[in-house]
């Protein structure tokens, strides 16, 4: 499932706040603040998509994320790899290391991360 740019921005605030009422989410936006109806519509769409849940307190709803940030971005990244790199993590890694202008220190840090993952897989 995919979030639009506006939905993703709102979801970022909800991930940061963990639980929030509509007013809290609107307050999280920089000026100019979006209209209350806009944020309410986004929350409804995100709820329909299964990203957001809410607890009802009288007439107020306290919203919370159902999908964890790490799970969402993992799925998005896997989609990018599948759709743009022939489902090849190696092709993605090659592109990533060449296209991002990494420093030698950053490349060494990546190597260290890969080596740690290799050791975990051996166990």
C-alpha atoms as a PDB file:
ATOM      1  CA  UNK A   1       0.000   0.000   0.000  1.00  0.00           C
ATOM      2  CA  UNK A   2       1.248   3.463  -0.860  1.00  0.00           C
ATOM      3  CA  UNK A   3       0.845   6.868   0.761  1.00  0.00           C
ATOM      4  CA  UNK A   4       0.559  10.063  -1.260  1.00  0.00           C
ATOM      5  CA  UNK A   5       3.082  12.809  -0.549  1.00  0.00           C
ATOM      6  CA  UNK A   6       0.563  14.646   1.687  1.00  0.00           C
ATOM      7  CA  UNK A   7      -0.385  11.453   3.497  1.00  0.00           C
ATOM      8  CA  UNK A   8       3.259  10.575   4.051  1.00  0.00           C
ATOM      9  CA  UNK A   9       3.962  14.018   5.515  1.00  0.00           C
ATOM     10  CA  UNK A  10       1.035  13.626   7.911  1.00  0.00           C
ATOM     11  CA  UNK A  11       2.123  10.091   8.754  1.00  0.00           C
ATOM     12  CA  UNK A  12       5.611  11.409   9.624  1.00  0.00           C
ATOM     13  CA  UNK A  13       4.036  13.683  12.244  1.00  0.00           C
ATOM     14  CA  UNK A  14       1.925  10.836  13.597  1.00  0.00           C
ATOM     15  CA  UNK A  15       4.955   8.539  13.814  1.00  0.00           C
ATOM     16  CA  UNK A  16       6.781  11.267  15.771  1.00  0.00           C
ATOM     17  CA  UNK A  17       3.872  11.982  18.120  1.00  0.00           C
ATOM     18  CA  UNK A  18       2.812   8.294  18.426  1.00  0.00           C
ATOM     19  CA  UNK A  19      -0.721   9.378  19.430  1.00  0.00           C
ATOM     20  CA  UNK A  20      -2.397  12.652  18.506  1.00  0.00           C
ATOM     21  CA  UNK A  21      -5.691  14.440  18.212  1.00  0.00           C
ATOM     22  CA  UNK A  22      -6.549  16.305  15.007  1.00  0.00           C
ATOM     23  CA  UNK A  23      -5.492  19.623  16.556  1.00  0.00           C
ATOM     24  CA  UNK A  24      -2.090  18.179  17.560  1.00  0.00           C
ATOM     25  CA  UNK A  25      -1.468  17.039  13.995  1.00  0.00           C
ATOM     26  CA  UNK A  26      -2.437  20.393  12.524  1.00  0.00           C
ATOM     27  CA  UNK A  27      -0.141  22.113  15.039  1.00  0.00           C
ATOM     28  CA  UNK A  28       2.742  19.899  13.853  1.00  0.00           C
ATOM     29  CA  UNK A  29       2.576  21.418  10.347  1.00  0.00           C
ATOM     30  CA  UNK A  30       4.616  24.519   9.530  1.00  0.00           C
ATOM     31  CA  UNK A  31       2.872  27.701   8.459  1.00  0.00           C
ATOM     32  CA  UNK A  32       0.684  27.993   6.500  1.00  0.00           C
ATOM     33  CA  UNK A  33      -1.249  25.278   8.338  1.00  0.00           C
ATOM     34  CA  UNK A  34      -3.523  23.045   6.265  1.00  0.00           C
ATOM     35  CA  UNK A  35      -7.283  23.310   6.721  1.00  0.00           C
ATOM     36  CA  UNK A  36      -8.846  21.110   9.383  1.00  0.00           C
ATOM     37  CA  UNK A  37     -11.013  19.456   6.722  1.00  0.00           C
ATOM     38  CA  UNK A  38      -7.933  18.638   4.642  1.00  0.00           C
ATOM     39  CA  UNK A  39      -6.192  16.881   7.528  1.00  0.00           C
ATOM     40  CA  UNK A  40      -9.427  15.091   8.497  1.00  0.00           C
ATOM     41  CA  UNK A  41      -9.819  13.860   4.909  1.00  0.00           C
ATOM     42  CA  UNK A  42      -6.211  12.633   4.826  1.00  0.00           C
ATOM     43  CA  UNK A  43      -6.699  10.802   8.126  1.00  0.00           C
ATOM     44  CA  UNK A  44      -9.863   9.146   6.790  1.00  0.00           C
ATOM     45  CA  UNK A  45      -8.037   7.974   3.651  1.00  0.00           C
ATOM     46  CA  UNK A  46      -5.087   6.721   5.684  1.00  0.00           C
ATOM     47  CA  UNK A  47      -7.476   4.910   8.008  1.00  0.00           C
ATOM     48  CA  UNK A  48      -9.211   3.292   5.014  1.00  0.00           C
ATOM     49  CA  UNK A  49      -5.794   2.158   3.758  1.00  0.00           C
ATOM     50  CA  UNK A  50      -5.018   0.592   7.155  1.00  0.00           C
ATOM     51  CA  UNK A  51      -2.243   2.979   8.167  1.00  0.00           C
ATOM     52  CA  UNK A  52      -4.037   4.851  10.955  1.00  0.00           C
ATOM     53  CA  UNK A  53      -6.335   3.830  13.769  1.00  0.00           C
ATOM     54  CA  UNK A  54      -8.175   5.911  16.328  1.00  0.00           C
ATOM     55  CA  UNK A  55      -9.673   5.790  19.791  1.00  0.00           C
ATOM     56  CA  UNK A  56     -12.923   7.683  20.321  1.00  0.00           C
ATOM     57  CA  UNK A  57     -13.214   9.976  23.353  1.00  0.00           C
ATOM     58  CA  UNK A  58     -16.700  11.497  23.170  1.00  0.00           C
ATOM     59  CA  UNK A  59     -16.651  13.508  19.947  1.00  0.00           C
ATOM     60  CA  UNK A  60     -12.856  13.523  19.676  1.00  0.00           C
ATOM     61  CA  UNK A  61     -10.617  10.964  18.045  1.00  0.00           C
ATOM     62  CA  UNK A  62      -7.093  10.216  19.142  1.00  0.00           C
ATOM     63  CA  UNK A  63      -5.171   8.884  16.134  1.00  0.00           C
ATOM     64  CA  UNK A  64      -2.277   6.442  16.211  1.00  0.00           C
ATOM     65  CA  UNK A  65      -0.174   4.712  13.555  1.00  0.00           C
ATOM     66  CA  UNK A  66      -1.014   1.091  12.777  1.00  0.00           C
ATOM     67  CA  UNK A  67       1.905   0.652  10.382  1.00  0.00           C
ATOM     68  CA  UNK A  68       5.388   1.166  11.789  1.00  0.00           C
ATOM     69  CA  UNK A  69       7.650   3.585   9.958  1.00  0.00           C
ATOM     70  CA  UNK A  70      10.344   0.957   9.430  1.00  0.00           C
ATOM     71  CA  UNK A  71       7.828  -1.513   7.954  1.00  0.00           C
ATOM     72  CA  UNK A  72       6.437   1.108   5.572  1.00  0.00           C
ATOM     73  CA  UNK A  73       9.835   2.163   4.264  1.00  0.00           C
ATOM     74  CA  UNK A  74      11.049  -1.427   4.014  1.00  0.00           C
ATOM     75  CA  UNK A  75       8.078  -2.211   1.781  1.00  0.00           C
ATOM     76  CA  UNK A  76       8.673   0.933  -0.291  1.00  0.00           C
ATOM     77  CA  UNK A  77      12.358   0.112  -0.714  1.00  0.00           C
ATOM     78  CA  UNK A  78      11.582  -3.470  -1.707  1.00  0.00           C
ATOM     79  CA  UNK A  79       9.140  -2.102  -4.298  1.00  0.00           C
ATOM     80  CA  UNK A  80      11.816   0.195  -5.715  1.00  0.00           C
ATOM     81  CA  UNK A  81      14.269  -2.705  -5.943  1.00  0.00           C
ATOM     82  CA  UNK A  82      11.691  -4.963  -7.586  1.00  0.00           C
ATOM     83  CA  UNK A  83      10.397  -2.383 -10.069  1.00  0.00           C
ATOM     84  CA  UNK A  84      13.598  -0.536 -10.937  1.00  0.00           C
ATOM     85  CA  UNK A  85      16.432  -3.001 -10.412  1.00  0.00           C
ATOM     86  CA  UNK A  86      14.979  -6.280 -11.743  1.00  0.00           C
ATOM     87  CA  UNK A  87      14.402  -7.453  -8.163  1.00  0.00           C
ATOM     88  CA  UNK A  88      18.180  -7.466  -7.704  1.00  0.00           C
ATOM     89  CA  UNK A  89      19.537  -6.112  -4.433  1.00  0.00           C
ATOM     90  CA  UNK A  90      23.032  -6.298  -5.926  1.00  0.00           C
ATOM     91  CA  UNK A  91      22.030  -4.000  -8.800  1.00  0.00           C
ATOM     92  CA  UNK A  92      20.445  -1.620  -6.305  1.00  0.00           C
ATOM     93  CA  UNK A  93      23.532  -1.661  -4.051  1.00  0.00           C
ATOM     94  CA  UNK A  94      25.801  -1.019  -7.017  1.00  0.00           C
ATOM     95  CA  UNK A  95      23.657   1.895  -8.172  1.00  0.00           C
ATOM     96  CA  UNK A  96      23.349   3.253  -4.633  1.00  0.00           C
ATOM     97  CA  UNK A  97      27.070   3.223  -3.915  1.00  0.00           C
ATOM     98  CA  UNK A  98      27.911   4.860  -7.257  1.00  0.00           C
ATOM     99  CA  UNK A  99      25.079   7.396  -7.480  1.00  0.00           C
ATOM    100  CA  UNK A 100      25.171   8.764  -3.941  1.00  0.00           C
ATOM    101  CA  UNK A 101      28.743  10.043  -3.907  1.00  0.00           C
ATOM    102  CA  UNK A 102      29.639   8.254  -0.692  1.00  0.00           C
ATOM    103  CA  UNK A 103      32.897   9.060   1.054  1.00  0.00           C
ATOM    104  CA  UNK A 104      35.504   6.401   1.727  1.00  0.00           C
ATOM    105  CA  UNK A 105      34.503   6.434   5.405  1.00  0.00           C
ATOM    106  CA  UNK A 106      30.836   5.884   4.507  1.00  0.00           C
ATOM    107  CA  UNK A 107      31.730   3.026   2.169  1.00  0.00           C
ATOM    108  CA  UNK A 108      33.806   1.420   4.921  1.00  0.00           C
ATOM    109  CA  UNK A 109      30.882   1.789   7.310  1.00  0.00           C
ATOM    110  CA  UNK A 110      28.618   0.087   4.741  1.00  0.00           C
ATOM    111  CA  UNK A 111      31.145  -2.723   4.395  1.00  0.00           C
ATOM    112  CA  UNK A 112      31.145  -3.120   8.182  1.00  0.00           C
ATOM    113  CA  UNK A 113      27.320  -3.352   8.191  1.00  0.00           C
ATOM    114  CA  UNK A 114      27.377  -5.951   5.403  1.00  0.00           C
ATOM    115  CA  UNK A 115      30.061  -7.968   7.205  1.00  0.00           C
ATOM    116  CA  UNK A 116      27.970  -7.933  10.402  1.00  0.00           C
ATOM    117  CA  UNK A 117      24.920  -9.180   8.491  1.00  0.00           C
ATOM    118  CA  UNK A 118      27.026 -11.962   6.915  1.00  0.00           C
ATOM    119  CA  UNK A 119      28.129 -13.054  10.398  1.00  0.00           C
ATOM    120  CA  UNK A 120      24.512 -13.088  11.631  1.00  0.00           C
ATOM    121  CA  UNK A 121      23.470 -15.275   8.677  1.00  0.00           C
ATOM    122  CA  UNK A 122      26.248 -17.784   9.418  1.00  0.00           C
ATOM    123  CA  UNK A 123      24.803 -18.477  12.874  1.00  0.00           C
END
